[in-house]
Amino acid sequence: MIPLRDQEYIRERFAQELEGRVRIDHFTQKASARYVPGREECATCEQTGQLVEELAALSEKVSLTIHELSSAPEEAKKLRVDKVPGTVVRGPAHRPLR
């Protein structure tokens, strides 16, 4: 998804600028094989998940945790995520950026 040239650029920027660990918590929703009343399908969850996985793989300082929103409601509430895809990035001070 991220072009190779851009991956190298991002890798270099991460190496130069990341002063500490970065945590990414990504909330997603798997596609349902059945119709679930009241549940909207997430049109961009798969692509967004692939993007954050590729981004996290570009530096050892970046850790990624992927959560299924319906399976991790307390973690989502704690991080104030109520929609998917939802991504929270936290640096050394653990202050979230949603």
Protein backbone atom coordinates (compact mmCIF):
# COMPACT_ATOMS: atom_id res chain seq x y z
CA MET A 1 0.00 0.00 0.00
CA ILE A 2 2.80 2.46 0.88
CA PRO A 3 5.11 2.79 -2.15
CA LEU A 4 8.66 1.52 -1.56
CA ARG A 5 10.23 4.94 -2.10
CA ASP A 6 7.89 6.44 0.49
CA GLN A 7 8.59 3.57 2.90
CA GLU A 8 12.30 4.37 2.80
CA TYR A 9 11.63 8.06 3.38
CA ILE A 10 9.34 7.32 6.34
CA ARG A 11 11.85 4.82 7.76
CA GLU A 12 14.58 7.48 7.65
CA ARG A 13 12.34 10.13 9.24
CA PHE A 14 11.33 7.74 12.01
CA ALA A 15 15.02 6.93 12.68
CA GLN A 16 15.90 10.63 12.87
CA GLU A 17 12.88 12.04 14.67
CA LEU A 18 11.32 9.43 16.94
CA GLU A 19 12.84 10.11 20.34
CA GLY A 20 11.03 7.32 22.13
CA ARG A 21 8.52 4.51 21.72
CA VAL A 22 5.28 5.18 19.86
CA ARG A 23 2.22 3.05 20.52
CA ILE A 24 -0.54 2.69 17.96
CA ASP A 25 -3.89 1.24 19.04
CA HIS A 26 -6.04 0.55 16.00
CA PHE A 27 -9.71 -0.35 16.36
CA THR A 28 -11.41 -2.16 13.52
CA GLN A 29 -14.48 -4.19 12.68
CA LYS A 30 -14.33 -7.44 10.77
CA ALA A 31 -16.79 -7.95 7.97
CA SER A 32 -19.77 -10.04 8.95
CA ALA A 33 -20.88 -12.96 6.82
CA ARG A 34 -24.44 -12.32 8.04
CA TYR A 35 -26.65 -9.27 8.17
CA VAL A 36 -26.68 -7.78 11.66
CA PRO A 37 -29.52 -5.29 12.22
CA GLY A 38 -28.24 -1.87 13.25
CA ARG A 39 -24.64 -2.62 12.34
CA GLU A 40 -23.12 -0.73 9.44
CA GLU A 41 -20.30 -2.42 7.59
CA CYS A 42 -16.94 -0.64 7.74
CA ALA A 43 -16.02 0.26 4.17
CA THR A 44 -12.42 1.27 4.97
CA CYS A 45 -11.38 -0.99 7.86
CA GLU A 46 -9.40 -3.47 5.79
CA GLN A 47 -7.40 -0.81 3.92
CA THR A 48 -6.78 1.26 7.05
CA GLY A 49 -5.62 -1.83 8.94
CA GLN A 50 -3.17 -2.67 6.17
CA LEU A 51 -1.85 0.91 6.19
CA VAL A 52 -1.18 1.02 9.96
CA GLU A 53 0.47 -2.42 9.82
CA GLU A 54 2.84 -1.25 7.07
CA LEU A 55 3.55 1.98 8.94
CA ALA A 56 4.33 0.17 12.21
CA ALA A 57 6.68 -2.21 10.40
CA LEU A 58 8.92 0.70 9.38
CA SER A 59 10.44 1.20 12.83
CA GLU A 60 11.21 -0.89 15.88
CA LYS A 61 10.17 2.11 17.97
CA VAL A 62 6.56 1.77 16.77
CA SER A 63 4.35 -0.89 18.32
CA LEU A 64 0.91 -1.72 16.98
CA THR A 65 -2.04 -3.32 18.73
CA ILE A 66 -5.12 -4.10 16.67
CA HIS A 67 -8.43 -4.37 18.53
CA GLU A 68 -11.79 -5.61 17.32
CA LEU A 69 -14.10 -2.83 18.58
CA SER A 70 -16.82 -5.23 19.70
CA SER A 71 -14.29 -7.37 21.62
CA ALA A 72 -12.51 -4.49 23.38
CA PRO A 73 -15.21 -2.04 24.50
CA GLU A 74 -13.43 -1.03 27.71
CA GLU A 75 -10.15 -0.25 25.92
CA ALA A 76 -12.09 1.71 23.26
CA LYS A 77 -13.93 3.68 25.95
CA LYS A 78 -10.68 4.39 27.80
CA LEU A 79 -9.11 5.73 24.60
CA ARG A 80 -12.35 7.50 23.59
CA VAL A 81 -12.82 5.56 20.35
CA ASP A 82 -16.42 5.06 19.33
CA LYS A 83 -16.18 4.54 15.56
CA VAL A 84 -14.21 2.32 13.23
CA PRO A 85 -11.68 2.54 11.89
CA GLY A 86 -10.27 4.34 14.89
CA THR A 87 -6.59 4.89 15.50
CA VAL A 88 -4.91 6.27 18.61
CA VAL A 89 -1.22 7.21 18.52
CA ARG A 90 0.64 7.71 21.80
CA GLY A 91 4.21 8.82 22.32
CA PRO A 92 6.52 8.64 25.35
CA ALA A 93 4.21 10.85 27.43
CA HIS A 94 1.25 8.48 26.66
CA ARG A 95 -0.97 11.38 25.63
CA PRO A 96 -3.28 10.07 22.91
CA LEU A 97 -3.73 11.58 19.49
CA ARG A 98 -6.87 10.24 17.83
